[in-house]
Each structure stands twice: as structure tokens, then as C-alpha cells.
Amino acid sequence: MKSYLSGMLFSLLSLLSFLFIRIVDSLWGSFAWSLLLTIVVFLFYKRKKNWDRKDIIVISFSTGLFYLLFASFGISLYPPEPIRDLGDIIMPYLYAGMFAVYTMIVLFLSGIVFNKQRS
């Protein structure tokens, strides 16, 4: 249960940093900076905790899942732009899904690589 809570906190960190950086940077640039910030916090937090492979999998999966959930909720409440056509409806959800999958994969790989280096 603590792993899911940690994943939720990492997804909130990633989403909030994405929103703040998005004010001054492009879409992909702000995602890259928010992902970098999340990885740094993830690795510092992992250094203090003793996680095994199962915990890393659960945390990375729950981070991506909660990221998608929170982003979809935010997109439905506050659309990023006025809706003109079907692309304005679909693309924010598609980007949120892609960012969730990328976050999940990158956190998993960085956690596994860092775990092997510590062993």
C-alpha cells in the first residue's frame, strides 16, 4: 500500500512540475524537465528506502497510472484550449497517455539500473 501512495506522490510531483514548467517552455521540453525532476527525487528517495524489484515495478506502474488519472481529470475540468475540432478533444488525452507510459518506463528502468549498481 505504501508503494501505491509513493507512486501517487511521484505522479503529483511530475504533473505539478509539468504544469509549472509548461508556462515557460514547450510541451515536450516541459515534459522532459518534469520527468528529470521526478527521476532525481525518485532516486534520492529510493536511496533512503530499501526497495526490491517488486516495489520498483509497483511504484513505477502506479506513478504512470495516477499520472494518467490526474491528467485526464484535469483535462476534462479545464481544457487546455478552446475546442474547435476532434483533434482538440483527443490530443490532450493522447499526450497524457504517452507521458504516463514514458514516465512508467523511465522510472522502472532508472530504478532497476540504480538497484543493480547498488548491489
PDB file of N, CA and C in Angstrom:
ATOM      1  N   MET A   1       0.814  -1.195   0.000  1.00  0.00           N
ATOM      2  CA  MET A   1       0.000   0.000   0.000  1.00  0.00           C
ATOM      3  C   MET A   1       0.860   1.264   0.000  1.00  0.00           C
ATOM      4  N   LYS A   2       2.003   1.189   0.687  1.00  0.00           N
ATOM      5  CA  LYS A   2       2.899   2.343   0.699  1.00  0.00           C
ATOM      6  C   LYS A   2       3.470   2.612  -0.689  1.00  0.00           C
ATOM      7  N   SER A   3       3.630   1.557  -1.469  1.00  0.00           N
ATOM      8  CA  SER A   3       4.162   1.735  -2.826  1.00  0.00           C
ATOM      9  C   SER A   3       3.180   2.505  -3.694  1.00  0.00           C
ATOM     10  N   TYR A   4       1.885   2.215  -3.539  1.00  0.00           N
ATOM     11  CA  TYR A   4       0.882   2.951  -4.308  1.00  0.00           C
ATOM     12  C   TYR A   4       0.829   4.417  -3.882  1.00  0.00           C
ATOM     13  N   LEU A   5       0.955   4.655  -2.588  1.00  0.00           N
ATOM     14  CA  LEU A   5       0.969   6.030  -2.098  1.00  0.00           C
ATOM     15  C   LEU A   5       2.200   6.772  -2.613  1.00  0.00           C
ATOM     16  N   SER A   6       3.342   6.107  -2.626  1.00  0.00           N
ATOM     17  CA  SER A   6       4.553   6.719  -3.184  1.00  0.00           C
ATOM     18  C   SER A   6       4.378   7.014  -4.664  1.00  0.00           C
ATOM     19  N   GLY A   7       3.774   6.085  -5.402  1.00  0.00           N
ATOM     20  CA  GLY A   7       3.508   6.313  -6.820  1.00  0.00           C
ATOM     21  C   GLY A   7       2.575   7.487  -7.047  1.00  0.00           C
ATOM     22  N   MET A   8       1.576   7.637  -6.172  1.00  0.00           N
ATOM     23  CA  MET A   8       0.669   8.767  -6.298  1.00  0.00           C
ATOM     24  C   MET A   8       1.401  10.081  -6.045  1.00  0.00           C
ATOM     25  N   LEU A   9       2.283  10.100  -5.063  1.00  0.00           N
ATOM     26  CA  LEU A   9       3.037  11.318  -4.775  1.00  0.00           C
ATOM     27  C   LEU A   9       4.002  11.666  -5.899  1.00  0.00           C
ATOM     28  N   PHE A  10       4.646  10.654  -6.483  1.00  0.00           N
ATOM     29  CA  PHE A  10       5.542  10.913  -7.613  1.00  0.00           C
ATOM     30  C   PHE A  10       4.766  11.420  -8.828  1.00  0.00           C
ATOM     31  N   SER A  11       3.562  10.893  -9.043  1.00  0.00           N
ATOM     32  CA  SER A  11       2.771  11.377 -10.178  1.00  0.00           C
ATOM     33  C   SER A  11       2.313  12.813  -9.950  1.00  0.00           C
ATOM     34  N   LEU A  12       1.950  13.150  -8.719  1.00  0.00           N
ATOM     35  CA  LEU A  12       1.583  14.540  -8.434  1.00  0.00           C
ATOM     36  C   LEU A  12       2.771  15.471  -8.610  1.00  0.00           C
ATOM     37  N   LEU A  13       3.953  15.030  -8.172  1.00  0.00           N
ATOM     38  CA  LEU A  13       5.161  15.836  -8.370  1.00  0.00           C
ATOM     39  C   LEU A  13       5.422  16.050  -9.855  1.00  0.00           C
ATOM     40  N   SER A  14       5.309  14.989 -10.632  1.00  0.00           N
ATOM     41  CA  SER A  14       5.559  15.086 -12.064  1.00  0.00           C
ATOM     42  C   SER A  14       4.534  15.983 -12.749  1.00  0.00           C
ATOM     43  N   LEU A  15       3.279  15.838 -12.389  1.00  0.00           N
ATOM     44  CA  LEU A  15       2.234  16.629 -13.028  1.00  0.00           C
ATOM     45  C   LEU A  15       2.322  18.101 -12.640  1.00  0.00           C
ATOM     46  N   LEU A  16       2.568  18.383 -11.368  1.00  0.00           N
ATOM     47  CA  LEU A  16       2.680  19.778 -10.937  1.00  0.00           C
ATOM     48  C   LEU A  16       3.912  20.458 -11.532  1.00  0.00           C
ATOM     49  N   SER A  17       5.032  19.737 -11.563  1.00  0.00           N
ATOM     50  CA  SER A  17       6.217  20.338 -12.177  1.00  0.00           C
ATOM     51  C   SER A  17       6.006  20.547 -13.677  1.00  0.00           C
ATOM     52  N   PHE A  18       5.292  19.624 -14.329  1.00  0.00           N
ATOM     53  CA  PHE A  18       4.972  19.802 -15.742  1.00  0.00           C
ATOM     54  C   PHE A  18       4.135  21.059 -15.953  1.00  0.00           C
ATOM     55  N   LEU A  19       3.130  21.257 -15.107  1.00  0.00           N
ATOM     56  CA  LEU A  19       2.253  22.423 -15.266  1.00  0.00           C
ATOM     57  C   LEU A  19       3.000  23.728 -15.035  1.00  0.00           C
ATOM     58  N   PHE A  20       3.882  23.763 -14.046  1.00  0.00           N
ATOM     59  CA  PHE A  20       4.628  24.997 -13.779  1.00  0.00           C
ATOM     60  C   PHE A  20       5.670  25.284 -14.861  1.00  0.00           C
ATOM     61  N   ILE A  21       6.334  24.252 -15.353  1.00  0.00           N
ATOM     62  CA  ILE A  21       7.345  24.453 -16.388  1.00  0.00           C
ATOM     63  C   ILE A  21       6.677  24.753 -17.732  1.00  0.00           C
ATOM     64  N   ARG A  22       5.466  24.258 -17.937  1.00  0.00           N
ATOM     65  CA  ARG A  22       4.735  24.470 -19.201  1.00  0.00           C
ATOM     66  C   ARG A  22       4.447  25.955 -19.443  1.00  0.00           C
ATOM     67  N   ILE A  23       4.451  26.736 -18.386  1.00  0.00           N
ATOM     68  CA  ILE A  23       4.206  28.178 -18.532  1.00  0.00           C
ATOM     69  C   ILE A  23       5.312  28.828 -19.358  1.00  0.00           C
ATOM     70  N   VAL A  24       6.554  28.344 -19.209  1.00  0.00           N
ATOM     71  CA  VAL A  24       7.681  28.991 -19.877  1.00  0.00           C
ATOM     72  C   VAL A  24       8.325  28.152 -20.977  1.00  0.00           C
ATOM     73  N   ASP A  25       7.961  26.886 -21.105  1.00  0.00           N
ATOM     74  CA  ASP A  25       8.635  26.011 -22.064  1.00  0.00           C
ATOM     75  C   ASP A  25       7.598  25.323 -22.952  1.00  0.00           C
ATOM     76  N   SER A  26       8.086  24.599 -23.954  1.00  0.00           N
ATOM     77  CA  SER A  26       7.194  23.901 -24.869  1.00  0.00           C
ATOM     78  C   SER A  26       6.645  22.633 -24.213  1.00  0.00           C
ATOM     79  N   LEU A  27       5.793  21.930 -24.939  1.00  0.00           N
ATOM     80  CA  LEU A  27       5.157  20.730 -24.415  1.00  0.00           C
ATOM     81  C   LEU A  27       6.174  19.650 -24.092  1.00  0.00           C
ATOM     82  N   TRP A  28       7.010  19.307 -25.066  1.00  0.00           N
ATOM     83  CA  TRP A  28       7.966  18.228 -24.862  1.00  0.00           C
ATOM     84  C   TRP A  28       9.108  18.655 -23.946  1.00  0.00           C
ATOM     85  N   GLY A  29       9.492  19.920 -23.999  1.00  0.00           N
ATOM     86  CA  GLY A  29      10.532  20.412 -23.097  1.00  0.00           C
ATOM     87  C   GLY A  29      10.083  20.390 -21.646  1.00  0.00           C
ATOM     88  N   SER A  30       8.860  20.803 -21.410  1.00  0.00           N
ATOM     89  CA  SER A  30       8.360  20.791 -20.033  1.00  0.00           C
ATOM     90  C   SER A  30       8.165  19.365 -19.530  1.00  0.00           C
ATOM     91  N   PHE A  31       7.766  18.451 -20.428  1.00  0.00           N
ATOM     92  CA  PHE A  31       7.671  17.061 -20.000  1.00  0.00           C
ATOM     93  C   PHE A  31       9.048  16.494 -19.665  1.00  0.00           C
ATOM     94  N   ALA A  32      10.045  16.811 -20.475  1.00  0.00           N
ATOM     95  CA  ALA A  32      11.394  16.308 -20.209  1.00  0.00           C
ATOM     96  C   ALA A  32      11.940  16.844 -18.887  1.00  0.00           C
ATOM     97  N   TRP A  33      11.743  18.131 -18.612  1.00  0.00           N
ATOM     98  CA  TRP A  33      12.232  18.694 -17.347  1.00  0.00           C
ATOM     99  C   TRP A  33      11.480  18.125 -16.156  1.00  0.00           C
ATOM    100  N   SER A  34      10.170  17.938 -16.286  1.00  0.00           N
ATOM    101  CA  SER A  34       9.414  17.380 -15.167  1.00  0.00           C
ATOM    102  C   SER A  34       9.783  15.917 -14.936  1.00  0.00           C
ATOM    103  N   LEU A  35      10.060  15.190 -16.014  1.00  0.00           N
ATOM    104  CA  LEU A  35      10.484  13.801 -15.860  1.00  0.00           C
ATOM    105  C   LEU A  35      11.864  13.722 -15.218  1.00  0.00           C
ATOM    106  N   LEU A  36      12.754  14.612 -15.593  1.00  0.00           N
ATOM    107  CA  LEU A  36      14.078  14.650 -14.982  1.00  0.00           C
ATOM    108  C   LEU A  36      13.986  14.957 -13.490  1.00  0.00           C
ATOM    109  N   LEU A  37      13.165  15.922 -13.130  1.00  0.00           N
ATOM    110  CA  LEU A  37      12.972  16.252 -11.725  1.00  0.00           C
ATOM    111  C   LEU A  37      12.381  15.072 -10.953  1.00  0.00           C
ATOM    112  N   THR A  38      11.427  14.390 -11.553  1.00  0.00           N
ATOM    113  CA  THR A  38      10.816  13.232 -10.902  1.00  0.00           C
ATOM    114  C   THR A  38      11.821  12.102 -10.733  1.00  0.00           C
ATOM    115  N   ILE A  39      12.672  11.888 -11.726  1.00  0.00           N
ATOM    116  CA  ILE A  39      13.687  10.831 -11.617  1.00  0.00           C
ATOM    117  C   ILE A  39      14.679  11.146 -10.506  1.00  0.00           C
ATOM    118  N   VAL A  40      15.099  12.399 -10.415  1.00  0.00           N
ATOM    119  CA  VAL A  40      16.054  12.783  -9.365  1.00  0.00           C
ATOM    120  C   VAL A  40      15.449  12.559  -7.981  1.00  0.00           C
ATOM    121  N   VAL A  41      14.210  12.983  -7.787  1.00  0.00           N
ATOM    122  CA  VAL A  41      13.553  12.773  -6.493  1.00  0.00           C
ATOM    123  C   VAL A  41      13.328  11.287  -6.241  1.00  0.00           C
ATOM    124  N   PHE A  42      12.956  10.539  -7.287  1.00  0.00           N
ATOM    125  CA  PHE A  42      12.758   9.097  -7.178  1.00  0.00           C
ATOM    126  C   PHE A  42      14.037   8.391  -6.733  1.00  0.00           C
ATOM    127  N   LEU A  43      15.160   8.753  -7.328  1.00  0.00           N
ATOM    128  CA  LEU A  43      16.414   8.092  -6.980  1.00  0.00           C
ATOM    129  C   LEU A  43      16.907   8.503  -5.591  1.00  0.00           C
ATOM    130  N   PHE A  44      16.716   9.770  -5.216  1.00  0.00           N
ATOM    131  CA  PHE A  44      17.079  10.172  -3.854  1.00  0.00           C
ATOM    132  C   PHE A  44      16.206   9.470  -2.820  1.00  0.00           C
ATOM    133  N   TYR A  45      14.913   9.350  -3.119  1.00  0.00           N
ATOM    134  CA  TYR A  45      14.003   8.672  -2.206  1.00  0.00           C
ATOM    135  C   TYR A  45      14.305   7.184  -2.137  1.00  0.00           C
ATOM    136  N   LYS A  46      14.660   6.589  -3.280  1.00  0.00           N
ATOM    137  CA  LYS A  46      14.990   5.169  -3.323  1.00  0.00           C
ATOM    138  C   LYS A  46      16.269   4.883  -2.544  1.00  0.00           C
ATOM    139  N   ARG A  47      17.149   5.858  -2.540  1.00  0.00           N
ATOM    140  CA  ARG A  47      18.413   5.688  -1.819  1.00  0.00           C
ATOM    141  C   ARG A  47      18.183   5.557  -0.316  1.00  0.00           C
ATOM    142  N   LYS A  48      17.163   6.225   0.203  1.00  0.00           N
ATOM    143  CA  LYS A  48      16.862   6.152   1.627  1.00  0.00           C
ATOM    144  C   LYS A  48      16.056   4.911   1.983  1.00  0.00           C
ATOM    145  N   LYS A  49      15.296   4.389   1.047  1.00  0.00           N
ATOM    146  CA  LYS A  49      14.471   3.206   1.282  1.00  0.00           C
ATOM    147  C   LYS A  49      15.165   1.980   0.719  1.00  0.00           C
ATOM    148  N   ASN A  50      14.772   0.825   1.208  1.00  0.00           N
ATOM    149  CA  ASN A  50      15.327  -0.428   0.713  1.00  0.00           C
ATOM    150  C   ASN A  50      14.256  -1.118  -0.127  1.00  0.00           C
ATOM    151  N   TRP A  51      14.204  -0.777  -1.420  1.00  0.00           N
ATOM    152  CA  TRP A  51      13.205  -1.343  -2.308  1.00  0.00           C
ATOM    153  C   TRP A  51      13.783  -2.523  -3.060  1.00  0.00           C
ATOM    154  N   ASP A  52      12.945  -3.507  -3.282  1.00  0.00           N
ATOM    155  CA  ASP A  52      13.341  -4.600  -4.165  1.00  0.00           C
ATOM    156  C   ASP A  52      12.684  -4.375  -5.535  1.00  0.00           C
ATOM    157  N   ARG A  53      12.834  -5.321  -6.401  1.00  0.00           N
ATOM    158  CA  ARG A  53      12.339  -5.175  -7.770  1.00  0.00           C
ATOM    159  C   ARG A  53      10.817  -5.026  -7.805  1.00  0.00           C
ATOM    160  N   LYS A  54      10.121  -5.760  -6.948  1.00  0.00           N
ATOM    161  CA  LYS A  54       8.659  -5.688  -6.910  1.00  0.00           C
ATOM    162  C   LYS A  54       8.184  -4.286  -6.533  1.00  0.00           C
ATOM    163  N   ASP A  55       8.826  -3.670  -5.561  1.00  0.00           N
ATOM    164  CA  ASP A  55       8.452  -2.312  -5.162  1.00  0.00           C
ATOM    165  C   ASP A  55       8.688  -1.311  -6.286  1.00  0.00           C
ATOM    166  N   ILE A  56       9.785  -1.476  -7.000  1.00  0.00           N
ATOM    167  CA  ILE A  56      10.083  -0.570  -8.115  1.00  0.00           C
ATOM    168  C   ILE A  56       9.034  -0.710  -9.212  1.00  0.00           C
ATOM    169  N   ILE A  57       8.618  -1.941  -9.492  1.00  0.00           N
ATOM    170  CA  ILE A  57       7.592  -2.171 -10.514  1.00  0.00           C
ATOM    171  C   ILE A  57       6.268  -1.545 -10.088  1.00  0.00           C
ATOM    172  N   VAL A  58       5.880  -1.762  -8.831  1.00  0.00           N
ATOM    173  CA  VAL A  58       4.605  -1.228  -8.348  1.00  0.00           C
ATOM    174  C   VAL A  58       4.632   0.299  -8.326  1.00  0.00           C
ATOM    175  N   ILE A  59       5.727   0.893  -7.871  1.00  0.00           N
ATOM    176  CA  ILE A  59       5.812   2.349  -7.809  1.00  0.00           C
ATOM    177  C   ILE A  59       5.807   2.961  -9.207  1.00  0.00           C
ATOM    178  N   SER A  60       6.559   2.390 -10.137  1.00  0.00           N
ATOM    179  CA  SER A  60       6.579   2.964 -11.486  1.00  0.00           C
ATOM    180  C   SER A  60       5.220   2.784 -12.170  1.00  0.00           C
ATOM    181  N   PHE A  61       4.578   1.637 -11.987  1.00  0.00           N
ATOM    182  CA  PHE A  61       3.256   1.418 -12.586  1.00  0.00           C
ATOM    183  C   PHE A  61       2.217   2.358 -11.979  1.00  0.00           C
ATOM    184  N   SER A  62       2.229   2.486 -10.661  1.00  0.00           N
ATOM    185  CA  SER A  62       1.226   3.353 -10.029  1.00  0.00           C
ATOM    186  C   SER A  62       1.494   4.827 -10.339  1.00  0.00           C
ATOM    187  N   THR A  63       2.754   5.198 -10.522  1.00  0.00           N
ATOM    188  CA  THR A  63       3.046   6.578 -10.921  1.00  0.00           C
ATOM    189  C   THR A  63       2.446   6.882 -12.289  1.00  0.00           C
ATOM    190  N   GLY A  64       2.648   5.994 -13.246  1.00  0.00           N
ATOM    191  CA  GLY A  64       2.063   6.197 -14.576  1.00  0.00           C
ATOM    192  C   GLY A  64       0.551   6.175 -14.557  1.00  0.00           C
ATOM    193  N   LEU A  65      -0.032   5.266 -13.767  1.00  0.00           N
ATOM    194  CA  LEU A  65      -1.479   5.158 -13.686  1.00  0.00           C
ATOM    195  C   LEU A  65      -2.102   6.400 -13.046  1.00  0.00           C
ATOM    196  N   PHE A  66      -1.535   6.838 -11.928  1.00  0.00           N
ATOM    197  CA  PHE A  66      -2.066   8.040 -11.279  1.00  0.00           C
ATOM    198  C   PHE A  66      -1.812   9.293 -12.115  1.00  0.00           C
ATOM    199  N   TYR A  67      -0.694   9.338 -12.840  1.00  0.00           N
ATOM    200  CA  TYR A  67      -0.432  10.464 -13.740  1.00  0.00           C
ATOM    201  C   TYR A  67      -1.533  10.564 -14.785  1.00  0.00           C
ATOM    202  N   LEU A  68      -1.864   9.440 -15.388  1.00  0.00           N
ATOM    203  CA  LEU A  68      -2.918   9.423 -16.399  1.00  0.00           C
ATOM    204  C   LEU A  68      -4.261   9.802 -15.784  1.00  0.00           C
ATOM    205  N   LEU A  69      -4.544   9.302 -14.603  1.00  0.00           N
ATOM    206  CA  LEU A  69      -5.807   9.601 -13.936  1.00  0.00           C
ATOM    207  C   LEU A  69      -5.935  11.085 -13.595  1.00  0.00           C
ATOM    208  N   PHE A  70      -4.894  11.646 -12.971  1.00  0.00           N
ATOM    209  CA  PHE A  70      -4.935  13.063 -12.598  1.00  0.00           C
ATOM    210  C   PHE A  70      -4.934  13.976 -13.816  1.00  0.00           C
ATOM    211  N   ALA A  71      -4.154  13.620 -14.835  1.00  0.00           N
ATOM    212  CA  ALA A  71      -4.110  14.444 -16.048  1.00  0.00           C
ATOM    213  C   ALA A  71      -5.456  14.401 -16.779  1.00  0.00           C
ATOM    214  N   SER A  72      -6.064  13.241 -16.861  1.00  0.00           N
ATOM    215  CA  SER A  72      -7.370  13.143 -17.527  1.00  0.00           C
ATOM    216  C   SER A  72      -8.437  13.918 -16.771  1.00  0.00           C
ATOM    217  N   PHE A  73      -8.374  13.853 -15.451  1.00  0.00           N
ATOM    218  CA  PHE A  73      -9.324  14.611 -14.636  1.00  0.00           C
ATOM    219  C   PHE A  73      -9.134  16.116 -14.858  1.00  0.00           C
ATOM    220  N   GLY A  74      -7.891  16.561 -14.884  1.00  0.00           N
ATOM    221  CA  GLY A  74      -7.613  17.971 -15.117  1.00  0.00           C
ATOM    222  C   GLY A  74      -7.989  18.427 -16.516  1.00  0.00           C
ATOM    223  N   ILE A  75      -7.755  17.581 -17.509  1.00  0.00           N
ATOM    224  CA  ILE A  75      -8.107  17.936 -18.886  1.00  0.00           C
ATOM    225  C   ILE A  75      -9.614  18.056 -19.034  1.00  0.00           C
ATOM    226  N   SER A  76     -10.354  17.153 -18.395  1.00  0.00           N
ATOM    227  CA  SER A  76     -11.816  17.221 -18.521  1.00  0.00           C
ATOM    228  C   SER A  76     -12.391  18.435 -17.793  1.00  0.00           C
ATOM    229  N   LEU A  77     -11.766  18.851 -16.681  1.00  0.00           N
ATOM    230  CA  LEU A  77     -12.254  20.038 -15.965  1.00  0.00           C
ATOM    231  C   LEU A  77     -11.838  21.334 -16.648  1.00  0.00           C
ATOM    232  N   TYR A  78     -10.575  21.417 -17.042  1.00  0.00           N
ATOM    233  CA  TYR A  78     -10.020  22.638 -17.631  1.00  0.00           C
ATOM    234  C   TYR A  78      -9.347  22.292 -18.958  1.00  0.00           C
ATOM    235  N   PRO A  79     -10.071  22.307 -20.054  1.00  0.00           N
ATOM    236  CA  PRO A  79      -9.443  22.005 -21.347  1.00  0.00           C
ATOM    237  C   PRO A  79      -8.324  23.001 -21.646  1.00  0.00           C
ATOM    238  N   PRO A  80      -7.222  22.525 -22.240  1.00  0.00           N
ATOM    239  CA  PRO A  80      -6.082  23.408 -22.474  1.00  0.00           C
ATOM    240  C   PRO A  80      -6.324  24.502 -23.507  1.00  0.00           C
ATOM    241  N   GLU A  81      -7.291  24.319 -24.384  1.00  0.00           N
ATOM    242  CA  GLU A  81      -7.581  25.323 -25.417  1.00  0.00           C
ATOM    243  C   GLU A  81      -9.047  25.180 -25.824  1.00  0.00           C
ATOM    244  N   PRO A  82      -9.590  26.184 -26.491  1.00  0.00           N
ATOM    245  CA  PRO A  82     -10.982  26.064 -26.960  1.00  0.00           C
ATOM    246  C   PRO A  82     -11.111  24.913 -27.953  1.00  0.00           C
ATOM    247  N   ILE A  83     -12.202  24.216 -27.871  1.00  0.00           N
ATOM    248  CA  ILE A  83     -12.413  23.045 -28.724  1.00  0.00           C
ATOM    249  C   ILE A  83     -12.955  23.504 -30.072  1.00  0.00           C
ATOM    250  N   ARG A  84     -12.157  23.235 -31.130  1.00  0.00           N
ATOM    251  CA  ARG A  84     -12.535  23.613 -32.490  1.00  0.00           C
ATOM    252  C   ARG A  84     -12.868  22.393 -33.339  1.00  0.00           C
ATOM    253  N   ASP A  85     -12.152  21.286 -33.093  1.00  0.00           N
ATOM    254  CA  ASP A  85     -12.406  20.083 -33.865  1.00  0.00           C
ATOM    255  C   ASP A  85     -12.112  18.862 -32.996  1.00  0.00           C
ATOM    256  N   LEU A  86     -12.145  17.689 -33.601  1.00  0.00           N
ATOM    257  CA  LEU A  86     -11.966  16.443 -32.861  1.00  0.00           C
ATOM    258  C   LEU A  86     -10.552  16.304 -32.292  1.00  0.00           C
ATOM    259  N   GLY A  87      -9.576  16.872 -32.980  1.00  0.00           N
ATOM    260  CA  GLY A  87      -8.194  16.811 -32.506  1.00  0.00           C
ATOM    261  C   GLY A  87      -7.987  17.543 -31.191  1.00  0.00           C
ATOM    262  N   ASP A  88      -8.736  18.603 -30.977  1.00  0.00           N
ATOM    263  CA  ASP A  88      -8.635  19.339 -29.716  1.00  0.00           C
ATOM    264  C   ASP A  88      -9.186  18.540 -28.543  1.00  0.00           C
ATOM    265  N   ILE A  89     -10.036  17.582 -28.837  1.00  0.00           N
ATOM    266  CA  ILE A  89     -10.577  16.725 -27.777  1.00  0.00           C
ATOM    267  C   ILE A  89      -9.652  15.544 -27.515  1.00  0.00           C
ATOM    268  N   ILE A  90      -9.126  14.938 -28.557  1.00  0.00           N
ATOM    269  CA  ILE A  90      -8.366  13.694 -28.428  1.00  0.00           C
ATOM    270  C   ILE A  90      -6.900  13.924 -28.053  1.00  0.00           C
ATOM    271  N   MET A  91      -6.256  14.922 -28.628  1.00  0.00           N
ATOM    272  CA  MET A  91      -4.808  15.085 -28.457  1.00  0.00           C
ATOM    273  C   MET A  91      -4.356  15.290 -27.005  1.00  0.00           C
ATOM    274  N   PRO A  92      -5.033  16.065 -26.166  1.00  0.00           N
ATOM    275  CA  PRO A  92      -4.561  16.167 -24.775  1.00  0.00           C
ATOM    276  C   PRO A  92      -4.565  14.827 -24.044  1.00  0.00           C
ATOM    277  N   TYR A  93      -5.582  14.007 -24.298  1.00  0.00           N
ATOM    278  CA  TYR A  93      -5.635  12.688 -23.667  1.00  0.00           C
ATOM    279  C   TYR A  93      -4.557  11.767 -24.236  1.00  0.00           C
ATOM    280  N   LEU A  94      -4.296  11.888 -25.526  1.00  0.00           N
ATOM    281  CA  LEU A  94      -3.244  11.084 -26.149  1.00  0.00           C
ATOM    282  C   LEU A  94      -1.879  11.454 -25.588  1.00  0.00           C
ATOM    283  N   TYR A  95      -1.614  12.752 -25.461  1.00  0.00           N
ATOM    284  CA  TYR A  95      -0.347  13.189 -24.861  1.00  0.00           C
ATOM    285  C   TYR A  95      -0.239  12.760 -23.404  1.00  0.00           C
ATOM    286  N   ALA A  96      -1.317  12.838 -22.658  1.00  0.00           N
ATOM    287  CA  ALA A  96      -1.288  12.402 -21.251  1.00  0.00           C
ATOM    288  C   ALA A  96      -0.996  10.907 -21.166  1.00  0.00           C
ATOM    289  N   GLY A  97      -1.577  10.122 -22.066  1.00  0.00           N
ATOM    290  CA  GLY A  97      -1.303   8.682 -22.090  1.00  0.00           C
ATOM    291  C   GLY A  97       0.139   8.382 -22.459  1.00  0.00           C
ATOM    292  N   MET A  98       0.657   9.099 -23.456  1.00  0.00           N
ATOM    293  CA  MET A  98       2.058   8.902 -23.846  1.00  0.00           C
ATOM    294  C   MET A  98       2.995   9.296 -22.707  1.00  0.00           C
ATOM    295  N   PHE A  99       2.727  10.413 -22.062  1.00  0.00           N
ATOM    296  CA  PHE A  99       3.576  10.855 -20.961  1.00  0.00           C
ATOM    297  C   PHE A  99       3.508   9.872 -19.797  1.00  0.00           C
ATOM    298  N   ALA A 100       2.340   9.295 -19.543  1.00  0.00           N
ATOM    299  CA  ALA A 100       2.207   8.313 -18.466  1.00  0.00           C
ATOM    300  C   ALA A 100       3.028   7.059 -18.764  1.00  0.00           C
ATOM    301  N   VAL A 101       2.962   6.595 -19.994  1.00  0.00           N
ATOM    302  CA  VAL A 101       3.733   5.402 -20.371  1.00  0.00           C
ATOM    303  C   VAL A 101       5.236   5.695 -20.330  1.00  0.00           C
ATOM    304  N   TYR A 102       5.655   6.844 -20.847  1.00  0.00           N
ATOM    305  CA  TYR A 102       7.071   7.210 -20.795  1.00  0.00           C
ATOM    306  C   TYR A 102       7.560   7.335 -19.359  1.00  0.00           C
ATOM    307  N   THR A 103       6.749   7.933 -18.500  1.00  0.00           N
ATOM    308  CA  THR A 103       7.131   8.069 -17.090  1.00  0.00           C
ATOM    309  C   THR A 103       7.273   6.703 -16.449  1.00  0.00           C
ATOM    310  N   MET A 104       6.337   5.815 -16.735  1.00  0.00           N
ATOM    311  CA  MET A 104       6.381   4.472 -16.174  1.00  0.00           C
ATOM    312  C   MET A 104       7.647   3.736 -16.607  1.00  0.00           C
ATOM    313  N   ILE A 105       7.965   3.792 -17.867  1.00  0.00           N
ATOM    314  CA  ILE A 105       9.131   3.081 -18.391  1.00  0.00           C
ATOM    315  C   ILE A 105      10.426   3.667 -17.847  1.00  0.00           C
ATOM    316  N   VAL A 106      10.534   4.984 -17.836  1.00  0.00           N
ATOM    317  CA  VAL A 106      11.775   5.623 -17.390  1.00  0.00           C
ATOM    318  C   VAL A 106      12.002   5.405 -15.893  1.00  0.00           C
ATOM    319  N   LEU A 107      10.956   5.492 -15.087  1.00  0.00           N
ATOM    320  CA  LEU A 107      11.126   5.231 -13.657  1.00  0.00           C
ATOM    321  C   LEU A 107      11.504   3.777 -13.404  1.00  0.00           C
ATOM    322  N   PHE A 108      10.890   2.859 -14.134  1.00  0.00           N
ATOM    323  CA  PHE A 108      11.236   1.448 -13.974  1.00  0.00           C
ATOM    324  C   PHE A 108      12.693   1.190 -14.351  1.00  0.00           C
ATOM    325  N   LEU A 109      13.106   1.702 -15.515  1.00  0.00           N
ATOM    326  CA  LEU A 109      14.486   1.457 -15.961  1.00  0.00           C
ATOM    327  C   LEU A 109      15.511   2.127 -15.049  1.00  0.00           C
ATOM    328  N   SER A 110      15.245   3.357 -14.618  1.00  0.00           N
ATOM    329  CA  SER A 110      16.204   4.019 -13.730  1.00  0.00           C
ATOM    330  C   SER A 110      16.249   3.325 -12.374  1.00  0.00           C
ATOM    331  N   GLY A 111      15.112   2.845 -11.888  1.00  0.00           N
ATOM    332  CA  GLY A 111      15.106   2.115 -10.620  1.00  0.00           C
ATOM    333  C   GLY A 111      15.855   0.805 -10.707  1.00  0.00           C
ATOM    334  N   ILE A 112      15.682   0.077 -11.802  1.00  0.00           N
ATOM    335  CA  ILE A 112      16.385  -1.207 -11.967  1.00  0.00           C
ATOM    336  C   ILE A 112      17.881  -0.981 -12.140  1.00  0.00           C
ATOM    337  N   VAL A 113      18.268   0.001 -12.957  1.00  0.00           N
ATOM    338  CA  VAL A 113      19.697   0.276 -13.169  1.00  0.00           C
ATOM    339  C   VAL A 113      20.342   0.728 -11.864  1.00  0.00           C
ATOM    340  N   PHE A 114      19.676   1.606 -11.138  1.00  0.00           N
ATOM    341  CA  PHE A 114      20.219   2.080  -9.864  1.00  0.00           C
ATOM    342  C   PHE A 114      20.281   0.949  -8.846  1.00  0.00           C
ATOM    343  N   ASN A 115      19.307   0.035  -8.887  1.00  0.00           N
ATOM    344  CA  ASN A 115      19.286  -1.104  -7.969  1.00  0.00           C
ATOM    345  C   ASN A 115      20.436  -2.051  -8.262  1.00  0.00           C
ATOM    346  N   LYS A 116      20.765  -2.249  -9.556  1.00  0.00           N
ATOM    347  CA  LYS A 116      21.884  -3.117  -9.915  1.00  0.00           C
ATOM    348  C   LYS A 116      23.220  -2.484  -9.549  1.00  0.00           C
ATOM    349  N   GLN A 117      23.330  -1.171  -9.664  1.00  0.00           N
ATOM    350  CA  GLN A 117      24.570  -0.513  -9.297  1.00  0.00           C
ATOM    351  C   GLN A 117      24.808  -0.573  -7.804  1.00  0.00           C
ATOM    352  N   ARG A 118      23.766  -0.559  -7.011  1.00  0.00           N
ATOM    353  CA  ARG A 118      23.903  -0.600  -5.561  1.00  0.00           C
ATOM    354  C   ARG A 118      24.264  -1.997  -5.072  1.00  0.00           C
ATOM    355  N   SER A 119      23.905  -3.038  -5.872  1.00  0.00           N
ATOM    356  CA  SER A 119      24.178  -4.423  -5.456  1.00  0.00           C
ATOM    357  C   SER A 119      25.631  -4.794  -5.622  1.00  0.00           C
TER     358      SER A 119
END
